[in-house]
Amino acid sequence: MVYIKTGCPHCQKLMEDLKSKSISYVEIDVSKDQDAKSFVKDILKVDKVPVVIKEGKVESVGFEGKG
């Protein structure tokens, strides 16, 4: 799963990178899904996107140190 925000250039770059590597993912937009936003902020304790979740754990936050 990849948590993103509409208009986020770092999110866009991450998704392009995943696509170029043929890595499939489920995209969840926290700017459109309040429950997802609360999950990322309150449960994961992360305050920036993109957030990559793999096998139920945070794999990365931001893209190339940005986000």
PDB file of N, CA and C in Angstrom:
ATOM      1  N   MET A   1       0.839  -1.172   0.000  1.00  0.00           N
ATOM      2  CA  MET A   1       0.000   0.000   0.000  1.00  0.00           C
ATOM      3  C   MET A   1       0.887   1.239   0.000  1.00  0.00           C
ATOM      4  N   VAL A   2       0.414   2.238  -0.724  1.00  0.00           N
ATOM      5  CA  VAL A   2       1.116   3.505  -0.761  1.00  0.00           C
ATOM      6  C   VAL A   2       0.113   4.594  -0.397  1.00  0.00           C
ATOM      7  N   TYR A   3       0.391   5.287   0.688  1.00  0.00           N
ATOM      8  CA  TYR A   3      -0.442   6.413   1.102  1.00  0.00           C
ATOM      9  C   TYR A   3       0.144   7.664   0.477  1.00  0.00           C
ATOM     10  N   ILE A   4      -0.693   8.378  -0.264  1.00  0.00           N
ATOM     11  CA  ILE A   4      -0.254   9.568  -0.990  1.00  0.00           C
ATOM     12  C   ILE A   4      -1.196  10.730  -0.690  1.00  0.00           C
ATOM     13  N   LYS A   5      -0.857  11.896  -1.235  1.00  0.00           N
ATOM     14  CA  LYS A   5      -1.719  13.075  -1.125  1.00  0.00           C
ATOM     15  C   LYS A   5      -1.812  13.706  -2.512  1.00  0.00           C
ATOM     16  N   THR A   6      -3.014  14.120  -2.889  1.00  0.00           N
ATOM     17  CA  THR A   6      -3.223  14.768  -4.177  1.00  0.00           C
ATOM     18  C   THR A   6      -2.268  15.944  -4.339  1.00  0.00           C
ATOM     19  N   GLY A   7      -1.599  16.003  -5.486  1.00  0.00           N
ATOM     20  CA  GLY A   7      -0.715  17.114  -5.792  1.00  0.00           C
ATOM     21  C   GLY A   7       0.688  16.998  -5.222  1.00  0.00           C
ATOM     22  N   CYS A   8       0.984  15.927  -4.531  1.00  0.00           N
ATOM     23  CA  CYS A   8       2.304  15.747  -3.915  1.00  0.00           C
ATOM     24  C   CYS A   8       3.313  15.288  -4.965  1.00  0.00           C
ATOM     25  N   PRO A   9       4.325  16.113  -5.274  1.00  0.00           N
ATOM     26  CA  PRO A   9       5.306  15.717  -6.292  1.00  0.00           C
ATOM     27  C   PRO A   9       6.149  14.514  -5.871  1.00  0.00           C
ATOM     28  N   HIS A  10       6.406  14.364  -4.585  1.00  0.00           N
ATOM     29  CA  HIS A  10       7.193  13.230  -4.099  1.00  0.00           C
ATOM     30  C   HIS A  10       6.396  11.939  -4.229  1.00  0.00           C
ATOM     31  N   CYS A  11       5.104  12.031  -4.004  1.00  0.00           N
ATOM     32  CA  CYS A  11       4.226  10.870  -4.175  1.00  0.00           C
ATOM     33  C   CYS A  11       4.226  10.439  -5.638  1.00  0.00           C
ATOM     34  N   GLN A  12       4.113  11.420  -6.529  1.00  0.00           N
ATOM     35  CA  GLN A  12       4.104  11.130  -7.962  1.00  0.00           C
ATOM     36  C   GLN A  12       5.402  10.452  -8.385  1.00  0.00           C
ATOM     37  N   LYS A  13       6.531  10.955  -7.893  1.00  0.00           N
ATOM     38  CA  LYS A  13       7.823  10.366  -8.243  1.00  0.00           C
ATOM     39  C   LYS A  13       7.938   8.943  -7.715  1.00  0.00           C
ATOM     40  N   LEU A  14       7.447   8.700  -6.505  1.00  0.00           N
ATOM     41  CA  LEU A  14       7.491   7.349  -5.948  1.00  0.00           C
ATOM     42  C   LEU A  14       6.662   6.398  -6.801  1.00  0.00           C
ATOM     43  N   MET A  15       5.456   6.813  -7.162  1.00  0.00           N
ATOM     44  CA  MET A  15       4.594   5.944  -7.968  1.00  0.00           C
ATOM     45  C   MET A  15       5.214   5.669  -9.333  1.00  0.00           C
ATOM     46  N   GLU A  16       5.846   6.673  -9.946  1.00  0.00           N
ATOM     47  CA  GLU A  16       6.539   6.470 -11.217  1.00  0.00           C
ATOM     48  C   GLU A  16       7.689   5.482 -11.053  1.00  0.00           C
ATOM     49  N   ASP A  17       8.408   5.592  -9.942  1.00  0.00           N
ATOM     50  CA  ASP A  17       9.520   4.684  -9.662  1.00  0.00           C
ATOM     51  C   ASP A  17       9.014   3.241  -9.500  1.00  0.00           C
ATOM     52  N   LEU A  18       7.936   3.073  -8.750  1.00  0.00           N
ATOM     53  CA  LEU A  18       7.376   1.734  -8.558  1.00  0.00           C
ATOM     54  C   LEU A  18       6.903   1.147  -9.883  1.00  0.00           C
ATOM     55  N   LYS A  19       6.243   1.961 -10.693  1.00  0.00           N
ATOM     56  CA  LYS A  19       5.764   1.492 -12.000  1.00  0.00           C
ATOM     57  C   LYS A  19       6.926   1.103 -12.897  1.00  0.00           C
ATOM     58  N   SER A  20       8.002   1.887 -12.885  1.00  0.00           N
ATOM     59  CA  SER A  20       9.158   1.581 -13.739  1.00  0.00           C
ATOM     60  C   SER A  20       9.826   0.275 -13.333  1.00  0.00           C
ATOM     61  N   LYS A  21       9.649  -0.112 -12.079  1.00  0.00           N
ATOM     62  CA  LYS A  21      10.214  -1.372 -11.576  1.00  0.00           C
ATOM     63  C   LYS A  21       9.188  -2.501 -11.600  1.00  0.00           C
ATOM     64  N   SER A  22       8.029  -2.225 -12.203  1.00  0.00           N
ATOM     65  CA  SER A  22       6.928  -3.197 -12.299  1.00  0.00           C
ATOM     66  C   SER A  22       6.490  -3.717 -10.935  1.00  0.00           C
ATOM     67  N   ILE A  23       6.490  -2.828  -9.953  1.00  0.00           N
ATOM     68  CA  ILE A  23       6.034  -3.173  -8.603  1.00  0.00           C
ATOM     69  C   ILE A  23       4.583  -2.716  -8.476  1.00  0.00           C
ATOM     70  N   SER A  24       3.688  -3.669  -8.216  1.00  0.00           N
ATOM     71  CA  SER A  24       2.279  -3.306  -8.070  1.00  0.00           C
ATOM     72  C   SER A  24       2.023  -2.788  -6.654  1.00  0.00           C
ATOM     73  N   TYR A  25       1.026  -1.932  -6.538  1.00  0.00           N
ATOM     74  CA  TYR A  25       0.709  -1.335  -5.248  1.00  0.00           C
ATOM     75  C   TYR A  25      -0.738  -0.873  -5.243  1.00  0.00           C
ATOM     76  N   VAL A  26      -1.272  -0.677  -4.049  1.00  0.00           N
ATOM     77  CA  VAL A  26      -2.588  -0.096  -3.873  1.00  0.00           C
ATOM     78  C   VAL A  26      -2.375   1.330  -3.393  1.00  0.00           C
ATOM     79  N   GLU A  27      -2.965   2.264  -4.101  1.00  0.00           N
ATOM     80  CA  GLU A  27      -2.805   3.693  -3.794  1.00  0.00           C
ATOM     81  C   GLU A  27      -3.972   4.170  -2.931  1.00  0.00           C
ATOM     82  N   ILE A  28      -3.651   4.837  -1.828  1.00  0.00           N
ATOM     83  CA  ILE A  28      -4.678   5.405  -0.950  1.00  0.00           C
ATOM     84  C   ILE A  28      -4.367   6.881  -0.765  1.00  0.00           C
ATOM     85  N   ASP A  29      -5.310   7.724  -1.152  1.00  0.00           N
ATOM     86  CA  ASP A  29      -5.123   9.173  -1.112  1.00  0.00           C
ATOM     87  C   ASP A  29      -5.656   9.728   0.215  1.00  0.00           C
ATOM     88  N   VAL A  30      -4.748  10.158   1.082  1.00  0.00           N
ATOM     89  CA  VAL A  30      -5.151  10.664   2.400  1.00  0.00           C
ATOM     90  C   VAL A  30      -5.850  12.017   2.324  1.00  0.00           C
ATOM     91  N   SER A  31      -5.745  12.707   1.192  1.00  0.00           N
ATOM     92  CA  SER A  31      -6.462  13.974   1.059  1.00  0.00           C
ATOM     93  C   SER A  31      -7.936  13.747   0.720  1.00  0.00           C
ATOM     94  N   LYS A  32      -8.276  12.522   0.326  1.00  0.00           N
ATOM     95  CA  LYS A  32      -9.657  12.179  -0.007  1.00  0.00           C
ATOM     96  C   LYS A  32     -10.276  11.194   0.973  1.00  0.00           C
ATOM     97  N   ASP A  33      -9.450  10.569   1.800  1.00  0.00           N
ATOM     98  CA  ASP A  33      -9.923   9.520   2.714  1.00  0.00           C
ATOM     99  C   ASP A  33      -9.515   9.883   4.144  1.00  0.00           C
ATOM    100  N   GLN A  34     -10.450  10.438   4.896  1.00  0.00           N
ATOM    101  CA  GLN A  34     -10.162  10.906   6.256  1.00  0.00           C
ATOM    102  C   GLN A  34      -9.727   9.762   7.177  1.00  0.00           C
ATOM    103  N   ASP A  35     -10.314   8.580   7.010  1.00  0.00           N
ATOM    104  CA  ASP A  35      -9.913   7.429   7.830  1.00  0.00           C
ATOM    105  C   ASP A  35      -8.459   7.054   7.563  1.00  0.00           C
ATOM    106  N   ALA A  36      -8.062   7.091   6.290  1.00  0.00           N
ATOM    107  CA  ALA A  36      -6.674   6.786   5.934  1.00  0.00           C
ATOM    108  C   ALA A  36      -5.731   7.833   6.505  1.00  0.00           C
ATOM    109  N   LYS A  37      -6.150   9.096   6.440  1.00  0.00           N
ATOM    110  CA  LYS A  37      -5.327  10.177   6.999  1.00  0.00           C
ATOM    111  C   LYS A  37      -5.141   9.984   8.503  1.00  0.00           C
ATOM    112  N   SER A  38      -6.212   9.648   9.193  1.00  0.00           N
ATOM    113  CA  SER A  38      -6.137   9.402  10.638  1.00  0.00           C
ATOM    114  C   SER A  38      -5.245   8.201  10.937  1.00  0.00           C
ATOM    115  N   PHE A  39      -5.345   7.160  10.121  1.00  0.00           N
ATOM    116  CA  PHE A  39      -4.515   5.967  10.312  1.00  0.00           C
ATOM    117  C   PHE A  39      -3.034   6.319  10.202  1.00  0.00           C
ATOM    118  N   VAL A  40      -2.677   7.047   9.150  1.00  0.00           N
ATOM    119  CA  VAL A  40      -1.275   7.410   8.938  1.00  0.00           C
ATOM    120  C   VAL A  40      -0.771   8.302  10.068  1.00  0.00           C
ATOM    121  N   LYS A  41      -1.567   9.280  10.443  1.00  0.00           N
ATOM    122  CA  LYS A  41      -1.139  10.249  11.453  1.00  0.00           C
ATOM    123  C   LYS A  41      -1.193   9.685  12.873  1.00  0.00           C
ATOM    124  N   ASP A  42      -2.306   9.063  13.235  1.00  0.00           N
ATOM    125  CA  ASP A  42      -2.521   8.650  14.622  1.00  0.00           C
ATOM    126  C   ASP A  42      -1.983   7.254  14.954  1.00  0.00           C
ATOM    127  N   ILE A  43      -2.110   6.328  14.033  1.00  0.00           N
ATOM    128  CA  ILE A  43      -1.668   4.952  14.296  1.00  0.00           C
ATOM    129  C   ILE A  43      -0.202   4.752  13.904  1.00  0.00           C
ATOM    130  N   LEU A  44       0.134   5.179  12.684  1.00  0.00           N
ATOM    131  CA  LEU A  44       1.513   5.002  12.220  1.00  0.00           C
ATOM    132  C   LEU A  44       2.456   6.063  12.765  1.00  0.00           C
ATOM    133  N   LYS A  45       1.884   7.189  13.248  1.00  0.00           N
ATOM    134  CA  LYS A  45       2.678   8.313  13.786  1.00  0.00           C
ATOM    135  C   LYS A  45       3.599   8.911  12.728  1.00  0.00           C
ATOM    136  N   VAL A  46       3.074   9.020  11.509  1.00  0.00           N
ATOM    137  CA  VAL A  46       3.820   9.577  10.396  1.00  0.00           C
ATOM    138  C   VAL A  46       3.140  10.874   9.974  1.00  0.00           C
ATOM    139  N   ASP A  47       3.937  11.911   9.714  1.00  0.00           N
ATOM    140  CA  ASP A  47       3.347  13.199   9.382  1.00  0.00           C
ATOM    141  C   ASP A  47       3.656  13.675   7.970  1.00  0.00           C
ATOM    142  N   LYS A  48       4.145  12.779   7.111  1.00  0.00           N
ATOM    143  CA  LYS A  48       4.371  13.157   5.723  1.00  0.00           C
ATOM    144  C   LYS A  48       4.119  11.958   4.814  1.00  0.00           C
ATOM    145  N   VAL A  49       3.916  12.264   3.550  1.00  0.00           N
ATOM    146  CA  VAL A  49       3.695  11.230   2.549  1.00  0.00           C
ATOM    147  C   VAL A  49       4.759  11.368   1.469  1.00  0.00           C
ATOM    148  N   PRO A  50       4.967  10.380   0.673  1.00  0.00           N
ATOM    149  CA  PRO A  50       4.301   9.095   0.608  1.00  0.00           C
ATOM    150  C   PRO A  50       4.765   8.156   1.710  1.00  0.00           C
ATOM    151  N   VAL A  51       3.865   7.244   2.071  1.00  0.00           N
ATOM    152  CA  VAL A  51       4.173   6.207   3.053  1.00  0.00           C
ATOM    153  C   VAL A  51       3.930   4.861   2.381  1.00  0.00           C
ATOM    154  N   VAL A  52       4.944   4.013   2.397  1.00  0.00           N
ATOM    155  CA  VAL A  52       4.822   2.683   1.808  1.00  0.00           C
ATOM    156  C   VAL A  52       4.695   1.670   2.936  1.00  0.00           C
ATOM    157  N   ILE A  53       3.625   0.871   2.865  1.00  0.00           N
ATOM    158  CA  ILE A  53       3.382  -0.190   3.842  1.00  0.00           C
ATOM    159  C   ILE A  53       3.557  -1.525   3.126  1.00  0.00           C
ATOM    160  N   LYS A  54       4.377  -2.376   3.668  1.00  0.00           N
ATOM    161  CA  LYS A  54       4.591  -3.703   3.084  1.00  0.00           C
ATOM    162  C   LYS A  54       4.469  -4.732   4.197  1.00  0.00           C
ATOM    163  N   GLU A  55       3.599  -5.705   3.966  1.00  0.00           N
ATOM    164  CA  GLU A  55       3.354  -6.767   4.943  1.00  0.00           C
ATOM    165  C   GLU A  55       2.997  -6.200   6.313  1.00  0.00           C
ATOM    166  N   GLY A  56       2.195  -5.129   6.314  1.00  0.00           N
ATOM    167  CA  GLY A  56       1.704  -4.543   7.554  1.00  0.00           C
ATOM    168  C   GLY A  56       2.667  -3.640   8.299  1.00  0.00           C
ATOM    169  N   LYS A  57       3.837  -3.375   7.715  1.00  0.00           N
ATOM    170  CA  LYS A  57       4.831  -2.540   8.382  1.00  0.00           C
ATOM    171  C   LYS A  57       5.253  -1.385   7.481  1.00  0.00           C
ATOM    172  N   VAL A  58       5.626  -0.275   8.101  1.00  0.00           N
ATOM    173  CA  VAL A  58       6.102   0.883   7.332  1.00  0.00           C
ATOM    174  C   VAL A  58       7.441   0.530   6.721  1.00  0.00           C
ATOM    175  N   GLU A  59       7.472   0.571   5.395  1.00  0.00           N
ATOM    176  CA  GLU A  59       8.711   0.285   4.673  1.00  0.00           C
ATOM    177  C   GLU A  59       9.486   1.567   4.395  1.00  0.00           C
ATOM    178  N   SER A  60       8.743   2.642   4.064  1.00  0.00           N
ATOM    179  CA  SER A  60       9.431   3.915   3.821  1.00  0.00           C
ATOM    180  C   SER A  60       8.465   5.079   4.008  1.00  0.00           C
ATOM    181  N   VAL A  61       9.061   6.228   4.319  1.00  0.00           N
ATOM    182  CA  VAL A  61       8.324   7.482   4.453  1.00  0.00           C
ATOM    183  C   VAL A  61       9.046   8.500   3.584  1.00  0.00           C
ATOM    184  N   GLY A  62       8.284   9.221   2.765  1.00  0.00           N
ATOM    185  CA  GLY A  62       8.904  10.154   1.837  1.00  0.00           C
ATOM    186  C   GLY A  62       9.481   9.414   0.650  1.00  0.00           C
ATOM    187  N   PHE A  63      10.090  10.151  -0.244  1.00  0.00           N
ATOM    188  CA  PHE A  63      10.742   9.553  -1.403  1.00  0.00           C
ATOM    189  C   PHE A  63      12.094  10.214  -1.565  1.00  0.00           C
ATOM    190  N   GLU A  64      13.134   9.402  -1.530  1.00  0.00           N
ATOM    191  CA  GLU A  64      14.502   9.899  -1.616  1.00  0.00           C
ATOM    192  C   GLU A  64      14.776  10.984  -0.601  1.00  0.00           C
ATOM    193  N   GLY A  65      14.268  10.773   0.618  1.00  0.00           N
ATOM    194  CA  GLY A  65      14.504  11.709   1.708  1.00  0.00           C
ATOM    195  C   GLY A  65      13.630  12.939   1.678  1.00  0.00           C
ATOM    196  N   LYS A  66      12.639  12.939   0.813  1.00  0.00           N
ATOM    197  CA  LYS A  66      11.748  14.105   0.684  1.00  0.00           C
ATOM    198  C   LYS A  66      10.319  13.677   0.906  1.00  0.00           C
ATOM    199  N   GLY A  67       9.479  14.653   1.170  1.00  0.00           N
ATOM    200  CA  GLY A  67       8.059  14.334   1.311  1.00  0.00           C
ATOM    201  C   GLY A  67       7.439  15.113   2.435  1.00  0.00           C
TER     202      GLY A  67
END
